[in-house]
Amino acid sequence: MSTQGVRDFDFFVGGWEVEHRRLVKPLTGSDDWDAFGGSTAEARIYHDGAISIDEITFPDRGFSGLSLRLQNAETGEWSIWWVNSQTGTLQPPVHGGWADGRCRLVGNDTHEGQPILATYEWSDITPTSAHWQQAFSTDGGETWETNWHMEFRRANQEPGDADTTHLTRRTGDFEFLQGSWTIRNRSLDQRGQWREYDSTMESRTHHAGQVSVDEYVFPDRKALAFRAYDVATMTWDIYWVDSRFGTLEPPVHGTFANGVGEFHGDDTLPDGTPIKVHFRWDAITADSAHWRQAISTDGGQTWQTNWEMELTRS
């Protein structure tokens, strides 16, 4: 695998009109294709191009999709996750990279309970157009059946807000964060000493509030918080991406009650020690909010706060 560089998905930034051709019943031997349009996509980059996110609409089908693309800072490999607004969960990722103007990514998945390999491919890229296709394999990649084509035609150079009028509105928990913020941070360093520093943050929501994305700019790095609302459990899954690594850290899960957000998850310290992690959002007003992180090394019996943010709307 080879990659072009960190600007791989810069071509996709902006607004697009999309035509689809999709196999109605994949892996059945059927050749019945569904062709439809009326779909649009709005794409942005974060972390100077190392993260690409687009929101694509399917208004006639009553749902939207969102792609989260991360480039691993060490290997240069891309990983892509898909989020369907009907479920709100990250589907299994595909991994790969670019060579000779084409991008191919492969990953393990299931189709109607059957284990498969799935592949995404980007090709025929120009300043005003691009082609994407998906294929499945049931024999470990020996043979492939292509089941979805998308033809992208540029509509705008800059991304706008995706139409969400066709979506069921399920939550607005993180809409308070939309916009620009300045942040006063207080965190414990590796020596156990508290340090204070300032940062900034920009926040957006997608899928009528079901996805929330923040980009943080710290003195020594950038970071991205990616939140997806699980429709079945009515809880949030929150992921963190540090620009120094370009990988999804283990998520925390939880919800809001009475204006306070409580989220818990499992992680490990750099030395391999397993820990539990707790996020808390509180003191939320139109122009301010407080966030706190705490960790536990004894299974949640005791907690140590190791990071606090005081947010003020810019």
C-alpha atoms as a PDB file:
ATOM      1  CA  MET A   1       0.000   0.000   0.000  1.00  0.00           C
ATOM      2  CA  SER A   2       1.154   3.519  -0.755  1.00  0.00           C
ATOM      3  CA  THR A   3      -0.364   6.881   0.109  1.00  0.00           C
ATOM      4  CA  GLN A   4      -0.246  10.286  -1.513  1.00  0.00           C
ATOM      5  CA  GLY A   5       0.020  12.210   1.731  1.00  0.00           C
ATOM      6  CA  VAL A   6      -2.002  13.974   4.350  1.00  0.00           C
ATOM      7  CA  ARG A   7      -3.963  15.966   1.736  1.00  0.00           C
ATOM      8  CA  ASP A   8      -5.530  12.844   0.197  1.00  0.00           C
ATOM      9  CA  PHE A   9      -9.159  13.914   0.669  1.00  0.00           C
ATOM     10  CA  ASP A  10      -8.747  17.657   0.078  1.00  0.00           C
ATOM     11  CA  PHE A  11     -10.318  17.117  -3.356  1.00  0.00           C
ATOM     12  CA  PHE A  12     -13.585  16.218  -1.631  1.00  0.00           C
ATOM     13  CA  VAL A  13     -14.020  19.427   0.374  1.00  0.00           C
ATOM     14  CA  GLY A  14     -17.198  21.258  -0.658  1.00  0.00           C
ATOM     15  CA  GLY A  15     -20.736  20.476  -1.731  1.00  0.00           C
ATOM     16  CA  TRP A  16     -21.712  17.692  -4.150  1.00  0.00           C
ATOM     17  CA  GLU A  17     -24.695  16.301  -6.013  1.00  0.00           C
ATOM     18  CA  VAL A  18     -24.688  12.507  -6.064  1.00  0.00           C
ATOM     19  CA  GLU A  19     -26.197   9.927  -8.404  1.00  0.00           C
ATOM     20  CA  HIS A  20     -26.476   6.351  -7.146  1.00  0.00           C
ATOM     21  CA  ARG A  21     -26.678   2.923  -8.719  1.00  0.00           C
ATOM     22  CA  ARG A  22     -27.173   0.228  -6.098  1.00  0.00           C
ATOM     23  CA  LEU A  23     -27.663  -3.538  -6.334  1.00  0.00           C
ATOM     24  CA  VAL A  24     -31.030  -4.324  -4.757  1.00  0.00           C
ATOM     25  CA  LYS A  25     -30.107  -7.772  -3.385  1.00  0.00           C
ATOM     26  CA  PRO A  26     -26.329  -8.204  -3.012  1.00  0.00           C
ATOM     27  CA  LEU A  27     -24.798 -11.694  -2.901  1.00  0.00           C
ATOM     28  CA  THR A  28     -27.899 -13.385  -4.313  1.00  0.00           C
ATOM     29  CA  GLY A  29     -26.913 -13.568  -7.980  1.00  0.00           C
ATOM     30  CA  SER A  30     -29.449 -10.851  -8.797  1.00  0.00           C
ATOM     31  CA  ASP A  31     -28.708  -8.208 -11.435  1.00  0.00           C
ATOM     32  CA  ASP A  32     -31.530  -5.872 -10.345  1.00  0.00           C
ATOM     33  CA  TRP A  33     -30.106  -2.349  -9.889  1.00  0.00           C
ATOM     34  CA  ASP A  34     -31.776   0.677  -8.277  1.00  0.00           C
ATOM     35  CA  ALA A  35     -30.725   4.006  -9.821  1.00  0.00           C
ATOM     36  CA  PHE A  36     -31.633   7.209  -8.005  1.00  0.00           C
ATOM     37  CA  GLY A  37     -30.548  10.804  -7.431  1.00  0.00           C
ATOM     38  CA  GLY A  38     -31.722  13.647  -5.220  1.00  0.00           C
ATOM     39  CA  SER A  39     -28.738  13.030  -2.942  1.00  0.00           C
ATOM     40  CA  THR A  40     -26.238  15.653  -1.776  1.00  0.00           C
ATOM     41  CA  ALA A  41     -22.986  15.528   0.196  1.00  0.00           C
ATOM     42  CA  GLU A  42     -21.150  18.169   2.237  1.00  0.00           C
ATOM     43  CA  ALA A  43     -17.491  17.383   3.012  1.00  0.00           C
ATOM     44  CA  ARG A  44     -14.956  18.964   5.372  1.00  0.00           C
ATOM     45  CA  ILE A  45     -11.414  18.280   6.547  1.00  0.00           C
ATOM     46  CA  TYR A  46      -9.917  18.575  10.040  1.00  0.00           C
ATOM     47  CA  HIS A  47      -6.406  18.244  11.478  1.00  0.00           C
ATOM     48  CA  ASP A  48      -4.936  19.901   8.370  1.00  0.00           C
ATOM     49  CA  GLY A  49      -6.343  17.189   6.118  1.00  0.00           C
ATOM     50  CA  ALA A  50      -5.643  14.100   8.255  1.00  0.00           C
ATOM     51  CA  ILE A  51      -9.376  13.782   9.047  1.00  0.00           C
ATOM     52  CA  SER A  52     -12.152  13.899   6.442  1.00  0.00           C
ATOM     53  CA  ILE A  53     -15.863  13.933   7.294  1.00  0.00           C
ATOM     54  CA  ASP A  54     -18.802  14.124   4.921  1.00  0.00           C
ATOM     55  CA  GLU A  55     -22.554  14.029   5.479  1.00  0.00           C
ATOM     56  CA  ILE A  56     -24.574  12.566   2.600  1.00  0.00           C
ATOM     57  CA  THR A  57     -28.366  12.706   2.309  1.00  0.00           C
ATOM     58  CA  PHE A  58     -30.834  10.125   1.009  1.00  0.00           C
ATOM     59  CA  PRO A  59     -34.065  12.138   1.313  1.00  0.00           C
ATOM     60  CA  ASP A  60     -36.228   9.734  -0.735  1.00  0.00           C
ATOM     61  CA  ARG A  61     -35.053   6.870   1.516  1.00  0.00           C
ATOM     62  CA  GLY A  62     -35.574   8.801   4.764  1.00  0.00           C
ATOM     63  CA  PHE A  63     -32.019   8.624   6.112  1.00  0.00           C
ATOM     64  CA  SER A  64     -28.558  10.182   5.857  1.00  0.00           C
ATOM     65  CA  GLY A  65     -25.043   8.795   6.117  1.00  0.00           C
ATOM     66  CA  LEU A  66     -21.757  10.106   7.440  1.00  0.00           C
ATOM     67  CA  SER A  67     -18.197   8.987   6.698  1.00  0.00           C
ATOM     68  CA  LEU A  68     -15.401   9.476   9.231  1.00  0.00           C
ATOM     69  CA  ARG A  69     -11.941   9.100   7.671  1.00  0.00           C
ATOM     70  CA  LEU A  70      -8.748   9.091   9.759  1.00  0.00           C
ATOM     71  CA  GLN A  71      -5.166   8.896   8.559  1.00  0.00           C
ATOM     72  CA  ASN A  72      -2.852   7.056  10.933  1.00  0.00           C
ATOM     73  CA  ALA A  73      -0.019   9.471  11.711  1.00  0.00           C
ATOM     74  CA  GLU A  74       2.579   6.696  11.898  1.00  0.00           C
ATOM     75  CA  THR A  75       1.682   4.463   8.938  1.00  0.00           C
ATOM     76  CA  GLY A  76      -0.133   6.881   6.635  1.00  0.00           C
ATOM     77  CA  GLU A  77      -2.940   4.339   6.264  1.00  0.00           C
ATOM     78  CA  TRP A  78      -6.527   5.565   6.092  1.00  0.00           C
ATOM     79  CA  SER A  79      -9.420   4.066   8.052  1.00  0.00           C
ATOM     80  CA  ILE A  80     -13.051   4.872   7.215  1.00  0.00           C
ATOM     81  CA  TRP A  81     -16.142   4.354   9.356  1.00  0.00           C
ATOM     82  CA  TRP A  82     -19.731   4.754   8.130  1.00  0.00           C
ATOM     83  CA  VAL A  83     -22.601   6.001  10.313  1.00  0.00           C
ATOM     84  CA  ASN A  84     -26.209   5.485   9.186  1.00  0.00           C
ATOM     85  CA  SER A  85     -28.613   7.969  10.783  1.00  0.00           C
ATOM     86  CA  GLN A  86     -31.134   5.152  11.302  1.00  0.00           C
ATOM     87  CA  THR A  87     -28.810   3.395  13.782  1.00  0.00           C
ATOM     88  CA  GLY A  88     -26.307   6.066  14.859  1.00  0.00           C
ATOM     89  CA  THR A  89     -23.456   3.585  15.387  1.00  0.00           C
ATOM     90  CA  LEU A  90     -20.059   3.312  13.701  1.00  0.00           C
ATOM     91  CA  GLN A  91     -20.021   0.360  11.326  1.00  0.00           C
ATOM     92  CA  PRO A  92     -16.816  -1.748  11.093  1.00  0.00           C
ATOM     93  CA  PRO A  93     -14.028   0.208   9.361  1.00  0.00           C
ATOM     94  CA  VAL A  94     -12.209  -0.373   6.106  1.00  0.00           C
ATOM     95  CA  HIS A  95      -8.470   0.330   5.838  1.00  0.00           C
ATOM     96  CA  GLY A  96      -6.151   1.187   2.976  1.00  0.00           C
ATOM     97  CA  GLY A  97      -4.569   3.952   0.968  1.00  0.00           C
ATOM     98  CA  TRP A  98      -3.879   5.631  -2.352  1.00  0.00           C
ATOM     99  CA  ALA A  99      -1.828   4.549  -5.352  1.00  0.00           C
ATOM    100  CA  ASP A 100      -1.789   6.015  -8.859  1.00  0.00           C
ATOM    101  CA  GLY A 101      -4.740   8.301  -8.172  1.00  0.00           C
ATOM    102  CA  ARG A 102      -6.992   5.551  -6.794  1.00  0.00           C
ATOM    103  CA  CYS A 103      -7.900   4.719  -3.204  1.00  0.00           C
ATOM    104  CA  ARG A 104      -8.823   1.198  -2.111  1.00  0.00           C
ATOM    105  CA  LEU A 105      -9.772   0.216   1.438  1.00  0.00           C
ATOM    106  CA  VAL A 106     -10.788  -3.223   2.741  1.00  0.00           C
ATOM    107  CA  GLY A 107     -12.299  -4.430   6.013  1.00  0.00           C
ATOM    108  CA  ASN A 108     -14.260  -7.205   7.714  1.00  0.00           C
ATOM    109  CA  ASP A 109     -18.028  -6.818   7.965  1.00  0.00           C
ATOM    110  CA  THR A 110     -21.248  -8.828   7.806  1.00  0.00           C
ATOM    111  CA  HIS A 111     -24.150  -8.760   5.369  1.00  0.00           C
ATOM    112  CA  GLU A 112     -27.445 -10.115   6.698  1.00  0.00           C
ATOM    113  CA  GLY A 113     -25.492 -12.139   9.246  1.00  0.00           C
ATOM    114  CA  GLN A 114     -22.954 -13.524   6.747  1.00  0.00           C
ATOM    115  CA  PRO A 115     -19.255 -12.676   7.315  1.00  0.00           C
ATOM    116  CA  ILE A 116     -17.842 -10.766   4.356  1.00  0.00           C
ATOM    117  CA  LEU A 117     -15.000  -8.570   3.251  1.00  0.00           C
ATOM    118  CA  ALA A 118     -16.056  -5.089   2.140  1.00  0.00           C
ATOM    119  CA  THR A 119     -14.079  -2.708  -0.030  1.00  0.00           C
ATOM    120  CA  TYR A 120     -14.452   0.993  -0.854  1.00  0.00           C
ATOM    121  CA  GLU A 121     -12.757   2.457  -3.912  1.00  0.00           C
ATOM    122  CA  TRP A 122     -12.294   6.064  -5.064  1.00  0.00           C
ATOM    123  CA  SER A 123     -11.310   6.774  -8.673  1.00  0.00           C
ATOM    124  CA  ASP A 124     -11.747   9.123 -11.674  1.00  0.00           C
ATOM    125  CA  ILE A 125     -11.102  12.171  -9.542  1.00  0.00           C
ATOM    126  CA  THR A 126     -11.196  15.619 -11.163  1.00  0.00           C
ATOM    127  CA  PRO A 127     -11.790  19.083  -9.666  1.00  0.00           C
ATOM    128  CA  THR A 128     -15.512  18.714 -10.399  1.00  0.00           C
ATOM    129  CA  SER A 129     -16.237  14.983 -10.224  1.00  0.00           C
ATOM    130  CA  ALA A 130     -15.364  11.686  -8.542  1.00  0.00           C
ATOM    131  CA  HIS A 131     -16.451   8.060  -8.537  1.00  0.00           C
ATOM    132  CA  TRP A 132     -16.934   5.798  -5.491  1.00  0.00           C
ATOM    133  CA  GLN A 133     -17.916   2.146  -5.401  1.00  0.00           C
ATOM    134  CA  GLN A 134     -18.449  -0.621  -2.844  1.00  0.00           C
ATOM    135  CA  ALA A 135     -17.983  -4.370  -3.295  1.00  0.00           C
ATOM    136  CA  PHE A 136     -18.421  -7.479  -1.102  1.00  0.00           C
ATOM    137  CA  SER A 137     -16.521 -10.766  -1.053  1.00  0.00           C
ATOM    138  CA  THR A 138     -17.599 -14.016   0.619  1.00  0.00           C
ATOM    139  CA  ASP A 139     -14.422 -15.989  -0.228  1.00  0.00           C
ATOM    140  CA  GLY A 140     -11.730 -13.980   1.502  1.00  0.00           C
ATOM    141  CA  GLY A 141     -11.166 -11.589  -1.389  1.00  0.00           C
ATOM    142  CA  GLU A 142     -10.765 -14.151  -4.178  1.00  0.00           C
ATOM    143  CA  THR A 143     -13.819 -12.778  -5.981  1.00  0.00           C
ATOM    144  CA  TRP A 144     -15.791  -9.552  -5.529  1.00  0.00           C
ATOM    145  CA  GLU A 145     -19.306  -8.389  -6.331  1.00  0.00           C
ATOM    146  CA  THR A 146     -19.675  -4.626  -6.789  1.00  0.00           C
ATOM    147  CA  ASN A 147     -22.996  -3.507  -5.315  1.00  0.00           C
ATOM    148  CA  TRP A 148     -22.975   0.303  -5.150  1.00  0.00           C
ATOM    149  CA  HIS A 149     -21.727   3.118  -7.392  1.00  0.00           C
ATOM    150  CA  MET A 150     -21.814   6.836  -6.548  1.00  0.00           C
ATOM    151  CA  GLU A 151     -21.122   9.540  -9.124  1.00  0.00           C
ATOM    152  CA  PHE A 152     -20.217  12.874  -7.524  1.00  0.00           C
ATOM    153  CA  ARG A 153     -20.654  16.204  -9.340  1.00  0.00           C
ATOM    154  CA  ARG A 154     -19.391  19.346  -7.629  1.00  0.00           C
ATOM    155  CA  ALA A 155     -22.062  21.859  -6.609  1.00  0.00           C
ATOM    156  CA  ASN A 156     -20.018  24.227  -4.401  1.00  0.00           C
ATOM    157  CA  GLN A 157     -16.378  24.849  -3.533  1.00  0.00           C
ATOM    158  CA  GLU A 158     -17.207  25.331   0.151  1.00  0.00           C
ATOM    159  CA  PRO A 159     -19.285  22.926   2.268  1.00  0.00           C
ATOM    160  CA  GLY A 160     -22.644  24.044   3.587  1.00  0.00           C
ATOM    161  CA  ASP A 161     -25.171  22.612   6.007  1.00  0.00           C
ATOM    162  CA  ALA A 162     -26.724  19.338   4.906  1.00  0.00           C
ATOM    163  CA  ASP A 163     -30.501  19.190   4.547  1.00  0.00           C
ATOM    164  CA  THR A 164     -31.952  17.280   7.506  1.00  0.00           C
ATOM    165  CA  THR A 165     -35.680  17.866   6.920  1.00  0.00           C
ATOM    166  CA  HIS A 166     -36.142  14.197   5.958  1.00  0.00           C
ATOM    167  CA  LEU A 167     -34.698  12.953   9.272  1.00  0.00           C
ATOM    168  CA  THR A 168     -36.500  12.112  12.503  1.00  0.00           C
ATOM    169  CA  ARG A 169     -35.193  14.424  15.216  1.00  0.00           C
ATOM    170  CA  ARG A 170     -34.150  12.278  18.181  1.00  0.00           C
ATOM    171  CA  THR A 171     -31.784  14.424  20.250  1.00  0.00           C
ATOM    172  CA  GLY A 172     -30.274  17.858  20.582  1.00  0.00           C
ATOM    173  CA  ASP A 173     -28.020  17.087  23.537  1.00  0.00           C
ATOM    174  CA  PHE A 174     -24.803  18.515  22.090  1.00  0.00           C
ATOM    175  CA  GLU A 175     -26.256  21.343  20.019  1.00  0.00           C
ATOM    176  CA  PHE A 176     -25.314  23.744  22.831  1.00  0.00           C
ATOM    177  CA  LEU A 177     -21.689  23.320  21.667  1.00  0.00           C
ATOM    178  CA  GLN A 178     -22.237  24.478  18.084  1.00  0.00           C
ATOM    179  CA  GLY A 179     -19.944  27.382  17.248  1.00  0.00           C
ATOM    180  CA  SER A 180     -16.584  28.728  18.405  1.00  0.00           C
ATOM    181  CA  TRP A 181     -15.161  28.553  21.929  1.00  0.00           C
ATOM    182  CA  THR A 182     -12.145  29.597  23.944  1.00  0.00           C
ATOM    183  CA  ILE A 183     -11.098  27.178  26.670  1.00  0.00           C
ATOM    184  CA  ARG A 184      -9.109  27.448  29.881  1.00  0.00           C
ATOM    185  CA  ASN A 185      -7.569  24.020  30.547  1.00  0.00           C
ATOM    186  CA  ARG A 186      -6.255  22.625  33.808  1.00  0.00           C
ATOM    187  CA  SER A 187      -4.656  19.174  33.564  1.00  0.00           C
ATOM    188  CA  LEU A 188      -2.260  16.856  35.358  1.00  0.00           C
ATOM    189  CA  ASP A 189       1.041  16.199  33.597  1.00  0.00           C
ATOM    190  CA  GLN A 190       3.025  12.948  33.765  1.00  0.00           C
ATOM    191  CA  ARG A 191       4.795  14.152  36.919  1.00  0.00           C
ATOM    192  CA  GLY A 192       1.485  14.717  38.684  1.00  0.00           C
ATOM    193  CA  GLN A 193       1.785  18.501  38.469  1.00  0.00           C
ATOM    194  CA  TRP A 194      -1.138  20.694  37.470  1.00  0.00           C
ATOM    195  CA  ARG A 195      -0.626  22.995  34.507  1.00  0.00           C
ATOM    196  CA  GLU A 196      -2.938  25.586  32.985  1.00  0.00           C
ATOM    197  CA  TYR A 197      -3.133  26.632  29.334  1.00  0.00           C
ATOM    198  CA  ASP A 198      -5.564  28.037  26.776  1.00  0.00           C
ATOM    199  CA  SER A 199      -7.031  26.419  23.670  1.00  0.00           C
ATOM    200  CA  THR A 200      -9.809  26.951  21.138  1.00  0.00           C
ATOM    201  CA  MET A 201     -12.552  24.735  19.754  1.00  0.00           C
ATOM    202  CA  GLU A 202     -15.018  24.677  16.835  1.00  0.00           C
ATOM    203  CA  SER A 203     -18.111  22.467  17.041  1.00  0.00           C
ATOM    204  CA  ARG A 204     -20.679  21.252  14.496  1.00  0.00           C
ATOM    205  CA  THR A 205     -23.599  18.823  14.538  1.00  0.00           C
ATOM    206  CA  HIS A 206     -24.809  16.456  11.812  1.00  0.00           C
ATOM    207  CA  HIS A 207     -27.754  14.091  11.258  1.00  0.00           C
ATOM    208  CA  ALA A 208     -30.218  16.513  12.906  1.00  0.00           C
ATOM    209  CA  GLY A 209     -28.219  16.508  16.130  1.00  0.00           C
ATOM    210  CA  GLN A 210     -27.320  12.799  16.251  1.00  0.00           C
ATOM    211  CA  VAL A 211     -23.624  13.379  15.457  1.00  0.00           C
ATOM    212  CA  SER A 212     -21.464  16.022  17.145  1.00  0.00           C
ATOM    213  CA  VAL A 213     -17.929  16.923  16.022  1.00  0.00           C
ATOM    214  CA  ASP A 214     -15.486  19.228  17.844  1.00  0.00           C
ATOM    215  CA  GLU A 215     -12.003  20.209  16.665  1.00  0.00           C
ATOM    216  CA  TYR A 216      -9.700  21.373  19.480  1.00  0.00           C
ATOM    217  CA  VAL A 217      -6.518  23.379  18.925  1.00  0.00           C
ATOM    218  CA  PHE A 218      -4.068  22.994  21.833  1.00  0.00           C
ATOM    219  CA  PRO A 219      -0.605  24.582  22.101  1.00  0.00           C
ATOM    220  CA  ASP A 220       1.126  21.331  21.090  1.00  0.00           C
ATOM    221  CA  ARG A 221      -1.460  19.410  19.036  1.00  0.00           C
ATOM    222  CA  LYS A 222      -4.985  19.201  17.708  1.00  0.00           C
ATOM    223  CA  ALA A 223      -7.738  16.821  18.773  1.00  0.00           C
ATOM    224  CA  LEU A 224     -11.196  15.828  17.604  1.00  0.00           C
ATOM    225  CA  ALA A 225     -14.182  14.670  19.637  1.00  0.00           C
ATOM    226  CA  PHE A 226     -16.602  12.536  17.609  1.00  0.00           C
ATOM    227  CA  ARG A 227     -19.964  11.740  19.209  1.00  0.00           C
ATOM    228  CA  ALA A 228     -22.616   9.436  17.745  1.00  0.00           C
ATOM    229  CA  TYR A 229     -26.069   8.863  19.237  1.00  0.00           C
ATOM    230  CA  ASP A 230     -27.005   5.178  19.360  1.00  0.00           C
ATOM    231  CA  VAL A 231     -30.685   5.099  18.358  1.00  0.00           C
ATOM    232  CA  ALA A 232     -31.381   1.665  19.890  1.00  0.00           C
ATOM    233  CA  THR A 233     -29.946   2.412  23.349  1.00  0.00           C
ATOM    234  CA  MET A 234     -30.588   6.191  23.311  1.00  0.00           C
ATOM    235  CA  THR A 235     -27.046   6.777  24.575  1.00  0.00           C
ATOM    236  CA  TRP A 236     -23.989   8.561  23.204  1.00  0.00           C
ATOM    237  CA  ASP A 237     -20.718   6.967  22.104  1.00  0.00           C
ATOM    238  CA  ILE A 238     -17.878   9.505  22.358  1.00  0.00           C
ATOM    239  CA  TYR A 239     -14.515   8.991  20.646  1.00  0.00           C
ATOM    240  CA  TRP A 240     -11.323  11.062  20.885  1.00  0.00           C
ATOM    241  CA  VAL A 241      -8.719  11.492  18.136  1.00  0.00           C
ATOM    242  CA  ASP A 242      -5.296  12.984  18.955  1.00  0.00           C
ATOM    243  CA  SER A 243      -3.571  14.476  15.898  1.00  0.00           C
ATOM    244  CA  ARG A 244      -0.256  12.965  17.021  1.00  0.00           C
ATOM    245  CA  PHE A 245      -1.645   9.457  16.433  1.00  0.00           C
ATOM    246  CA  GLY A 246      -4.641   9.663  14.094  1.00  0.00           C
ATOM    247  CA  THR A 247      -6.524   6.765  15.682  1.00  0.00           C
ATOM    248  CA  LEU A 248      -9.850   6.403  17.503  1.00  0.00           C
ATOM    249  CA  GLU A 249      -9.309   6.055  21.232  1.00  0.00           C
ATOM    250  CA  PRO A 250     -11.675   3.704  23.149  1.00  0.00           C
ATOM    251  CA  PRO A 251     -15.092   5.339  23.555  1.00  0.00           C
ATOM    252  CA  VAL A 252     -17.026   6.443  26.579  1.00  0.00           C
ATOM    253  CA  HIS A 253     -20.794   5.901  26.710  1.00  0.00           C
ATOM    254  CA  GLY A 254     -23.598   7.730  28.455  1.00  0.00           C
ATOM    255  CA  THR A 255     -26.318  10.336  28.294  1.00  0.00           C
ATOM    256  CA  PHE A 256     -27.687  13.574  29.711  1.00  0.00           C
ATOM    257  CA  ALA A 257     -30.092  13.917  32.637  1.00  0.00           C
ATOM    258  CA  ASN A 258     -31.244  17.196  34.168  1.00  0.00           C
ATOM    259  CA  GLY A 259     -28.706  19.181  32.155  1.00  0.00           C
ATOM    260  CA  VAL A 260     -25.701  17.044  33.156  1.00  0.00           C
ATOM    261  CA  GLY A 261     -23.911  14.611  30.842  1.00  0.00           C
ATOM    262  CA  GLU A 262     -22.264  11.539  32.418  1.00  0.00           C
ATOM    263  CA  PHE A 263     -20.127   9.186  30.301  1.00  0.00           C
ATOM    264  CA  HIS A 264     -18.028   6.158  31.270  1.00  0.00           C
ATOM    265  CA  GLY A 265     -15.623   3.864  29.444  1.00  0.00           C
ATOM    266  CA  ASP A 266     -12.535   1.659  29.683  1.00  0.00           C
ATOM    267  CA  ASP A 267      -9.011   2.554  28.577  1.00  0.00           C
ATOM    268  CA  THR A 268      -5.368   1.927  29.464  1.00  0.00           C
ATOM    269  CA  LEU A 269      -2.551   4.147  30.691  1.00  0.00           C
ATOM    270  CA  PRO A 270       0.644   4.443  28.581  1.00  0.00           C
ATOM    271  CA  ASP A 271       2.260   1.775  30.788  1.00  0.00           C
ATOM    272  CA  GLY A 272      -0.582  -0.669  30.041  1.00  0.00           C
ATOM    273  CA  THR A 273      -2.476  -0.249  33.328  1.00  0.00           C
ATOM    274  CA  PRO A 274      -6.231  -0.714  32.718  1.00  0.00           C
ATOM    275  CA  ILE A 275      -8.363   2.215  33.846  1.00  0.00           C
ATOM    276  CA  LYS A 276     -11.920   3.427  33.838  1.00  0.00           C
ATOM    277  CA  VAL A 277     -12.632   6.886  32.403  1.00  0.00           C
ATOM    278  CA  HIS A 278     -15.395   9.338  33.304  1.00  0.00           C
ATOM    279  CA  PHE A 279     -16.461  12.451  31.345  1.00  0.00           C
ATOM    280  CA  ARG A 280     -18.882  14.982  32.828  1.00  0.00           C
ATOM    281  CA  TRP A 281     -20.524  17.992  31.162  1.00  0.00           C
ATOM    282  CA  ASP A 282     -22.258  20.472  33.478  1.00  0.00           C
ATOM    283  CA  ALA A 283     -22.781  24.185  34.257  1.00  0.00           C
ATOM    284  CA  ILE A 284     -24.090  24.615  30.710  1.00  0.00           C
ATOM    285  CA  THR A 285     -25.390  28.035  29.662  1.00  0.00           C
ATOM    286  CA  ALA A 286     -25.746  29.759  26.296  1.00  0.00           C
ATOM    287  CA  ASP A 287     -22.186  31.088  26.525  1.00  0.00           C
ATOM    288  CA  SER A 288     -20.311  28.766  28.871  1.00  0.00           C
ATOM    289  CA  ALA A 289     -19.872  25.144  29.906  1.00  0.00           C
ATOM    290  CA  HIS A 290     -17.667  22.968  32.103  1.00  0.00           C
ATOM    291  CA  TRP A 291     -16.121  19.597  31.199  1.00  0.00           C
ATOM    292  CA  ARG A 292     -14.200  17.273  33.489  1.00  0.00           C
ATOM    293  CA  GLN A 293     -12.328  14.011  32.999  1.00  0.00           C
ATOM    294  CA  ALA A 294     -11.499  11.587  35.806  1.00  0.00           C
ATOM    295  CA  ILE A 295      -9.831   8.172  35.839  1.00  0.00           C
ATOM    296  CA  SER A 296      -9.943   5.182  38.178  1.00  0.00           C
ATOM    297  CA  THR A 297      -7.329   2.432  38.544  1.00  0.00           C
ATOM    298  CA  ASP A 298      -9.387   0.375  41.013  1.00  0.00           C
ATOM    299  CA  GLY A 299     -12.457  -0.466  38.981  1.00  0.00           C
ATOM    300  CA  GLY A 300     -14.351   2.718  39.835  1.00  0.00           C
ATOM    301  CA  GLN A 301     -13.990   2.579  43.611  1.00  0.00           C
ATOM    302  CA  THR A 302     -12.042   5.847  43.678  1.00  0.00           C
ATOM    303  CA  TRP A 303     -11.578   8.546  41.052  1.00  0.00           C
ATOM    304  CA  GLN A 304      -8.929  11.156  40.309  1.00  0.00           C
ATOM    305  CA  THR A 305      -9.795  14.210  38.243  1.00  0.00           C
ATOM    306  CA  ASN A 306      -6.976  14.792  35.756  1.00  0.00           C
ATOM    307  CA  TRP A 307      -8.389  17.351  33.295  1.00  0.00           C
ATOM    308  CA  GLU A 308     -10.902  20.196  33.417  1.00  0.00           C
ATOM    309  CA  MET A 309     -12.056  22.620  30.740  1.00  0.00           C
ATOM    310  CA  GLU A 310     -13.854  25.911  31.280  1.00  0.00           C
ATOM    311  CA  LEU A 311     -15.468  26.858  27.953  1.00  0.00           C
ATOM    312  CA  THR A 312     -16.498  30.391  26.978  1.00  0.00           C
ATOM    313  CA  ARG A 313     -18.275  31.133  23.702  1.00  0.00           C
ATOM    314  CA  SER A 314     -16.153  33.241  21.381  1.00  0.00           C
END
